[in-house]
C-alpha atoms as a PDB file:
ATOM      1  CA  UNK A   1       0.000   0.000   0.000  1.00  0.00           C
ATOM      2  CA  UNK A   2       2.974   2.312  -0.001  1.00  0.00           C
ATOM      3  CA  UNK A   3       2.072   3.431  -3.534  1.00  0.00           C
ATOM      4  CA  UNK A   4      -1.317   4.622  -2.296  1.00  0.00           C
ATOM      5  CA  UNK A   5       0.015   7.009   0.360  1.00  0.00           C
ATOM      6  CA  UNK A   6      -0.575  10.135  -1.755  1.00  0.00           C
ATOM      7  CA  UNK A   7      -4.187   9.268  -2.560  1.00  0.00           C
ATOM      8  CA  UNK A   8      -7.259  10.710  -0.897  1.00  0.00           C
ATOM      9  CA  UNK A   9      -9.621   8.552   1.104  1.00  0.00           C
ATOM     10  CA  UNK A  10     -12.152   8.537  -1.744  1.00  0.00           C
ATOM     11  CA  UNK A  11      -9.518   7.526  -4.298  1.00  0.00           C
ATOM     12  CA  UNK A  12      -8.371   4.630  -2.100  1.00  0.00           C
ATOM     13  CA  UNK A  13     -12.005   3.526  -1.736  1.00  0.00           C
ATOM     14  CA  UNK A  14     -12.567   3.507  -5.493  1.00  0.00           C
ATOM     15  CA  UNK A  15      -9.339   1.623  -6.183  1.00  0.00           C
ATOM     16  CA  UNK A  16     -10.021  -0.905  -3.442  1.00  0.00           C
ATOM     17  CA  UNK A  17     -13.746  -1.457  -3.797  1.00  0.00           C
ATOM     18  CA  UNK A  18     -14.875  -0.555  -7.309  1.00  0.00           C
ATOM     19  CA  UNK A  19     -13.737  -2.970  -9.990  1.00  0.00           C
ATOM     20  CA  UNK A  20     -13.871  -1.744 -13.592  1.00  0.00           C
ATOM     21  CA  UNK A  21     -17.279  -3.326 -14.228  1.00  0.00           C
ATOM     22  CA  UNK A  22     -18.730  -1.434 -11.268  1.00  0.00           C
ATOM     23  CA  UNK A  23     -17.183   1.796 -12.560  1.00  0.00           C
ATOM     24  CA  UNK A  24     -19.047   1.046 -15.806  1.00  0.00           C
ATOM     25  CA  UNK A  25     -22.282   0.763 -13.789  1.00  0.00           C
ATOM     26  CA  UNK A  26     -21.592   4.204 -12.326  1.00  0.00           C
ATOM     27  CA  UNK A  27     -20.896   5.647 -15.774  1.00  0.00           C
ATOM     28  CA  UNK A  28     -24.138   4.142 -17.081  1.00  0.00           C
ATOM     29  CA  UNK A  29     -26.012   5.610 -14.127  1.00  0.00           C
ATOM     30  CA  UNK A  30     -24.670   9.063 -14.961  1.00  0.00           C
ATOM     31  CA  UNK A  31     -25.829   8.627 -18.559  1.00  0.00           C
ATOM     32  CA  UNK A  32     -29.303   7.470 -17.505  1.00  0.00           C
ATOM     33  CA  UNK A  33     -29.626  10.404 -15.098  1.00  0.00           C
ATOM     34  CA  UNK A  34     -28.496  12.878 -17.774  1.00  0.00           C
ATOM     35  CA  UNK A  35     -30.955  11.522 -20.332  1.00  0.00           C
ATOM     36  CA  UNK A  36     -33.716  11.630 -17.719  1.00  0.00           C
ATOM     37  CA  UNK A  37     -32.940  15.270 -16.992  1.00  0.00           C
ATOM     38  CA  UNK A  38     -32.714  16.158 -20.666  1.00  0.00           C
ATOM     39  CA  UNK A  39     -36.066  14.517 -21.420  1.00  0.00           C
ATOM     40  CA  UNK A  40     -37.584  15.639 -18.110  1.00  0.00           C
ATOM     41  CA  UNK A  41     -38.480  12.077 -17.108  1.00  0.00           C
ATOM     42  CA  UNK A  42     -38.490  11.650 -13.317  1.00  0.00           C
ATOM     43  CA  UNK A  43     -38.531   7.862 -13.694  1.00  0.00           C
ATOM     44  CA  UNK A  44     -35.220   7.912 -15.614  1.00  0.00           C
ATOM     45  CA  UNK A  45     -33.669  10.296 -13.113  1.00  0.00           C
ATOM     46  CA  UNK A  46     -34.731   7.991 -10.266  1.00  0.00           C
ATOM     47  CA  UNK A  47     -33.363   4.976 -12.142  1.00  0.00           C
ATOM     48  CA  UNK A  48     -30.035   6.761 -12.604  1.00  0.00           C
ATOM     49  CA  UNK A  49     -29.837   7.637  -8.914  1.00  0.00           C
ATOM     50  CA  UNK A  50     -30.665   4.039  -8.020  1.00  0.00           C
ATOM     51  CA  UNK A  51     -27.839   2.780 -10.214  1.00  0.00           C
ATOM     52  CA  UNK A  52     -25.522   5.315  -8.571  1.00  0.00           C
ATOM     53  CA  UNK A  53     -26.463   4.019  -5.121  1.00  0.00           C
ATOM     54  CA  UNK A  54     -25.832   0.450  -6.250  1.00  0.00           C
ATOM     55  CA  UNK A  55     -22.464   1.477  -7.666  1.00  0.00           C
ATOM     56  CA  UNK A  56     -21.318   3.140  -4.455  1.00  0.00           C
ATOM     57  CA  UNK A  57     -22.718   0.464  -2.151  1.00  0.00           C
ATOM     58  CA  UNK A  58     -20.859  -2.344  -3.903  1.00  0.00           C
ATOM     59  CA  UNK A  59     -17.756  -1.820  -1.777  1.00  0.00           C
ATOM     60  CA  UNK A  60     -19.756  -1.800   1.430  1.00  0.00           C
ATOM     61  CA  UNK A  61     -21.650  -4.964   0.549  1.00  0.00           C
ATOM     62  CA  UNK A  62     -18.574  -6.831  -0.684  1.00  0.00           C
ATOM     63  CA  UNK A  63     -16.567  -5.758   2.372  1.00  0.00           C
ATOM     64  CA  UNK A  64     -19.184  -7.001   4.823  1.00  0.00           C
ATOM     65  CA  UNK A  65     -19.605 -10.366   3.124  1.00  0.00           C
ATOM     66  CA  UNK A  66     -15.863 -11.144   3.034  1.00  0.00           C
ATOM     67  CA  UNK A  67     -14.979 -10.595   6.688  1.00  0.00           C
ATOM     68  CA  UNK A  68     -13.360 -13.674   8.232  1.00  0.00           C
ATOM     69  CA  UNK A  69     -15.472 -15.460  10.771  1.00  0.00           C
ATOM     70  CA  UNK A  70     -18.800 -14.115   9.568  1.00  0.00           C
ATOM     71  CA  UNK A  71     -21.429 -16.375   8.026  1.00  0.00           C
END
């Protein structure tokens, strides 16, 4: 981890908990939200925000399920 010493807390989180496919989910969520705003569709905006929440929660969910000694 010595190479990560100059990184911010958020950058370390992304590198440690967001694999490339999950970064793609976040990018897709931004696109869905933007299209929803452009077309003024609240359902698309909500879908984009939901995808964003899933993208950011991936690290929390994966971290909890991989702790040693937990079922």
